[in-house]
Amino acid sequence: MAEKEIGRVSNYFDHVDVAAVKLATSLKTGDKIRFVGGETDFEQPVASMQIHHQKVNSAKKGDEIGIKVKEKVRKGYKVYKA
């Protein structure tokens, strides 16, 4: 199955390794996502996410979530659901 773009990185907080992602579709914990941009291309599962510093298990289109990432990302990078 082809990967579907689910959002874009809107910010990155390097002191806590967290990416803010503006979602174009729904996402839930346990989903596998992939970050692509520049020379960056990696996959990771969604272990946890937050909306306004509150832990949530799912998010919908239009939400902006915070997610801990294992590599540095930059604003504008695309996020796909595997």
C-alpha atoms as a PDB file:
ATOM      1  CA  MET A   1       0.000   0.000   0.000  1.00  0.00           C
ATOM      2  CA  ALA A   2       1.345   3.440  -0.914  1.00  0.00           C
ATOM      3  CA  GLU A   3       2.151   5.905   1.824  1.00  0.00           C
ATOM      4  CA  LYS A   4      -0.254   8.782   2.311  1.00  0.00           C
ATOM      5  CA  GLU A   5       0.859  12.277   3.287  1.00  0.00           C
ATOM      6  CA  ILE A   6      -0.807  13.049   6.599  1.00  0.00           C
ATOM      7  CA  GLY A   7       0.721  16.401   7.474  1.00  0.00           C
ATOM      8  CA  ARG A   8       3.716  18.705   7.615  1.00  0.00           C
ATOM      9  CA  VAL A   9       6.158  19.716  10.314  1.00  0.00           C
ATOM     10  CA  SER A  10       5.213  23.212  11.487  1.00  0.00           C
ATOM     11  CA  ASN A  11       7.960  23.566  14.107  1.00  0.00           C
ATOM     12  CA  TYR A  12      10.782  21.657  15.799  1.00  0.00           C
ATOM     13  CA  PHE A  13      11.952  22.006  19.373  1.00  0.00           C
ATOM     14  CA  ASP A  14      15.504  20.645  19.486  1.00  0.00           C
ATOM     15  CA  HIS A  15      15.933  20.966  23.266  1.00  0.00           C
ATOM     16  CA  VAL A  16      13.240  18.269  23.747  1.00  0.00           C
ATOM     17  CA  ASP A  17      13.404  16.515  20.318  1.00  0.00           C
ATOM     18  CA  VAL A  18       9.744  17.267  19.613  1.00  0.00           C
ATOM     19  CA  ALA A  19       8.177  18.068  16.247  1.00  0.00           C
ATOM     20  CA  ALA A  20       4.946  20.010  15.914  1.00  0.00           C
ATOM     21  CA  VAL A  21       2.926  18.494  13.067  1.00  0.00           C
ATOM     22  CA  LYS A  22      -0.139  20.069  11.443  1.00  0.00           C
ATOM     23  CA  LEU A  23      -2.354  17.144  10.430  1.00  0.00           C
ATOM     24  CA  ALA A  24      -4.167  16.809   7.103  1.00  0.00           C
ATOM     25  CA  THR A  25      -5.881  13.600   8.267  1.00  0.00           C
ATOM     26  CA  SER A  26      -6.369  11.634  11.478  1.00  0.00           C
ATOM     27  CA  LEU A  27      -3.581   9.899  13.390  1.00  0.00           C
ATOM     28  CA  LYS A  28      -3.497   7.665  16.452  1.00  0.00           C
ATOM     29  CA  THR A  29      -0.872   6.206  18.765  1.00  0.00           C
ATOM     30  CA  GLY A  30       0.550   3.000  17.358  1.00  0.00           C
ATOM     31  CA  ASP A  31       0.494   4.261  13.759  1.00  0.00           C
ATOM     32  CA  LYS A  32       3.806   4.140  11.914  1.00  0.00           C
ATOM     33  CA  ILE A  33       4.859   7.450  10.371  1.00  0.00           C
ATOM     34  CA  ARG A  34       7.680   8.609   8.115  1.00  0.00           C
ATOM     35  CA  PHE A  35       9.361  12.023   8.005  1.00  0.00           C
ATOM     36  CA  VAL A  36      10.768  13.142   4.639  1.00  0.00           C
ATOM     37  CA  GLY A  37      12.603  16.357   3.789  1.00  0.00           C
ATOM     38  CA  GLY A  38      16.071  17.566   2.872  1.00  0.00           C
ATOM     39  CA  GLU A  39      18.413  14.638   3.514  1.00  0.00           C
ATOM     40  CA  THR A  40      16.107  13.294   6.243  1.00  0.00           C
ATOM     41  CA  ASP A  41      14.033  10.159   5.667  1.00  0.00           C
ATOM     42  CA  PHE A  42      13.120   7.960   8.640  1.00  0.00           C
ATOM     43  CA  GLU A  43      10.216   5.972  10.051  1.00  0.00           C
ATOM     44  CA  GLN A  44       9.058   5.614  13.615  1.00  0.00           C
ATOM     45  CA  PRO A  45       5.934   4.486  15.461  1.00  0.00           C
ATOM     46  CA  VAL A  46       3.765   7.070  17.216  1.00  0.00           C
ATOM     47  CA  ALA A  47       4.543   6.192  20.837  1.00  0.00           C
ATOM     48  CA  SER A  48       2.679   9.214  22.247  1.00  0.00           C
ATOM     49  CA  MET A  49       1.445  12.612  21.154  1.00  0.00           C
ATOM     50  CA  GLN A  50       0.154  15.788  22.742  1.00  0.00           C
ATOM     51  CA  ILE A  51      -2.204  18.600  21.874  1.00  0.00           C
ATOM     52  CA  HIS A  52      -1.613  21.771  23.940  1.00  0.00           C
ATOM     53  CA  HIS A  53       0.584  19.782  26.383  1.00  0.00           C
ATOM     54  CA  GLN A  54      -2.222  17.255  27.017  1.00  0.00           C
ATOM     55  CA  LYS A  55      -1.495  13.611  26.145  1.00  0.00           C
ATOM     56  CA  VAL A  56      -3.951  12.228  23.581  1.00  0.00           C
ATOM     57  CA  ASN A  57      -4.396   8.833  21.890  1.00  0.00           C
ATOM     58  CA  SER A  58      -5.743  10.215  18.627  1.00  0.00           C
ATOM     59  CA  ALA A  59      -5.920  13.463  16.684  1.00  0.00           C
ATOM     60  CA  LYS A  60      -8.013  14.595  13.733  1.00  0.00           C
ATOM     61  CA  LYS A  61      -7.526  16.628  10.570  1.00  0.00           C
ATOM     62  CA  GLY A  62      -6.573  20.212  11.407  1.00  0.00           C
ATOM     63  CA  ASP A  63      -5.063  19.405  14.807  1.00  0.00           C
ATOM     64  CA  GLU A  64      -1.496  20.418  15.556  1.00  0.00           C
ATOM     65  CA  ILE A  65       0.224  17.717  17.569  1.00  0.00           C
ATOM     66  CA  GLY A  66       3.528  17.451  19.353  1.00  0.00           C
ATOM     67  CA  ILE A  67       5.419  14.196  18.859  1.00  0.00           C
ATOM     68  CA  LYS A  68       8.836  13.103  20.119  1.00  0.00           C
ATOM     69  CA  VAL A  69      11.093  12.286  17.164  1.00  0.00           C
ATOM     70  CA  LYS A  70      14.285  10.234  16.999  1.00  0.00           C
ATOM     71  CA  GLU A  71      15.999  12.523  14.457  1.00  0.00           C
ATOM     72  CA  LYS A  72      16.078  16.269  13.833  1.00  0.00           C
ATOM     73  CA  VAL A  73      13.404  17.556  11.457  1.00  0.00           C
ATOM     74  CA  ARG A  74      12.722  20.983   9.990  1.00  0.00           C
ATOM     75  CA  LYS A  75       9.688  23.107   9.272  1.00  0.00           C
ATOM     76  CA  GLY A  76       8.000  22.033   6.039  1.00  0.00           C
ATOM     77  CA  TYR A  77       9.105  18.390   6.104  1.00  0.00           C
ATOM     78  CA  LYS A  78       6.370  16.036   4.943  1.00  0.00           C
ATOM     79  CA  VAL A  79       4.898  13.386   7.235  1.00  0.00           C
ATOM     80  CA  TYR A  80       3.474  10.155   5.803  1.00  0.00           C
ATOM     81  CA  LYS A  81       1.557   7.264   7.331  1.00  0.00           C
ATOM     82  CA  ALA A  82       3.129   3.943   6.312  1.00  0.00           C
END
